Amino acid sequence: MLWRPLMGRNTLAWAAMAAVYLLWGTGCLAIKVCLDQGFGPFALGTTRLFAAASVLALVAVATRGRLVRSELPGILGAGALYWVLGSGLQVWGQ
């Protein structure tokens, strides 16, 4: 991995935890602000999902060097379920 030589295992774990707290913790606030600005709930959920999927695809390519074609149906299926049952219902509920 690209960053492993730069950080120790403990530092990497704390950085990951900080990222989770920062990104997840500000998610509800970001949803509220975007809904107040006129975004539709499912359009907002779709935008968030595609942004996250793009980042994860870049990380996968950077760390593994490629995306495996046989994994794509599972990835797309999980993403669709997350969009409807996870993020979609959360945004709609707010």
Protein backbone atom coordinates (compact mmCIF):
# COMPACT_ATOMS: atom_id res chain seq x y z
CA MET A 1 0.00 0.00 0.00
CA LEU A 2 1.11 3.51 -0.70
CA TRP A 3 0.73 4.98 2.80
CA ARG A 4 1.85 2.04 4.93
CA PRO A 5 5.56 2.98 4.92
CA LEU A 6 4.64 6.51 6.02
CA MET A 7 2.54 5.55 9.04
CA GLY A 8 2.73 2.98 11.77
CA ARG A 9 -0.18 0.58 12.33
CA ASN A 10 -1.42 2.55 15.36
CA THR A 11 -1.32 5.88 13.53
CA LEU A 12 -3.18 4.44 10.57
CA ALA A 13 -5.90 3.07 12.87
CA TRP A 14 -6.35 6.45 14.57
CA ALA A 15 -6.45 8.23 11.20
CA ALA A 16 -9.13 5.82 9.99
CA MET A 17 -11.17 6.37 13.15
CA ALA A 18 -10.86 10.15 12.80
CA ALA A 19 -12.04 9.92 9.19
CA VAL A 20 -15.07 7.86 10.21
CA TYR A 21 -16.00 10.31 12.97
CA LEU A 22 -15.50 13.34 10.74
CA LEU A 23 -17.22 12.01 7.61
CA TRP A 24 -20.02 10.06 9.26
CA GLY A 25 -20.59 12.61 11.97
CA THR A 26 -21.08 15.48 9.57
CA GLY A 27 -23.26 13.46 7.18
CA CYS A 28 -26.60 14.34 8.80
CA LEU A 29 -25.68 18.02 8.92
CA ALA A 30 -24.68 17.95 5.26
CA ILE A 31 -27.96 16.25 4.34
CA LYS A 32 -29.96 18.89 6.25
CA VAL A 33 -28.10 21.76 4.57
CA CYS A 34 -28.50 20.24 1.08
CA LEU A 35 -32.21 19.54 1.57
CA ASP A 36 -32.70 23.13 2.76
CA GLN A 37 -30.94 24.33 -0.43
CA GLY A 38 -33.46 22.50 -2.63
CA PHE A 39 -31.85 19.15 -3.47
CA GLY A 40 -34.33 16.31 -3.83
CA PRO A 41 -33.76 13.50 -1.32
CA PHE A 42 -33.05 10.72 -3.82
CA ALA A 43 -30.98 12.95 -6.10
CA LEU A 44 -28.89 13.86 -3.06
CA GLY A 45 -28.54 10.20 -2.09
CA THR A 46 -27.49 9.31 -5.63
CA THR A 47 -24.89 12.08 -5.69
CA ARG A 48 -23.44 10.96 -2.35
CA LEU A 49 -23.36 7.33 -3.46
CA PHE A 50 -21.60 8.04 -6.76
CA ALA A 51 -19.05 10.26 -5.01
CA ALA A 52 -18.31 7.56 -2.45
CA ALA A 53 -18.16 4.83 -5.12
CA SER A 54 -15.70 6.89 -7.15
CA VAL A 55 -13.41 7.38 -4.17
CA LEU A 56 -13.57 3.68 -3.26
CA ALA A 57 -12.85 2.65 -6.87
CA LEU A 58 -9.79 4.91 -6.91
CA VAL A 59 -8.59 3.43 -3.62
CA ALA A 60 -9.12 -0.10 -4.96
CA VAL A 61 -7.14 0.66 -8.10
CA ALA A 62 -4.38 2.39 -6.10
CA THR A 63 -4.00 -0.45 -3.62
CA ARG A 64 -4.72 -3.53 -5.74
CA GLY A 65 -3.85 -2.14 -9.14
CA ARG A 66 -7.10 -3.18 -10.79
CA LEU A 67 -10.81 -3.81 -10.39
CA VAL A 68 -11.89 -7.42 -10.82
CA ARG A 69 -14.73 -7.75 -13.35
CA SER A 70 -16.28 -10.73 -11.55
CA GLU A 71 -16.75 -8.58 -8.42
CA LEU A 72 -18.72 -5.85 -10.22
CA PRO A 73 -22.22 -7.47 -10.03
CA GLY A 74 -21.91 -7.87 -6.26
CA ILE A 75 -20.56 -4.36 -5.89
CA LEU A 76 -23.38 -2.87 -7.99
CA GLY A 77 -26.02 -4.92 -6.18
CA ALA A 78 -24.76 -3.89 -2.75
CA GLY A 79 -24.59 -0.27 -3.90
CA ALA A 80 -28.19 -0.34 -5.18
CA LEU A 81 -29.44 -1.86 -1.91
CA TYR A 82 -27.50 0.72 0.08
CA TRP A 83 -28.93 3.54 -2.03
CA VAL A 84 -32.51 2.42 -1.48
CA LEU A 85 -32.44 0.95 2.03
CA GLY A 86 -29.61 2.88 3.63
CA SER A 87 -28.87 6.33 2.35
CA GLY A 88 -32.15 6.77 0.47
CA LEU A 89 -34.39 6.14 3.47
CA GLN A 90 -32.16 8.25 5.72
CA VAL A 91 -32.34 11.25 3.40
CA TRP A 92 -36.07 10.77 2.76
CA GLY A 93 -36.68 10.56 6.51
CA GLN A 94 -34.91 13.85 7.11
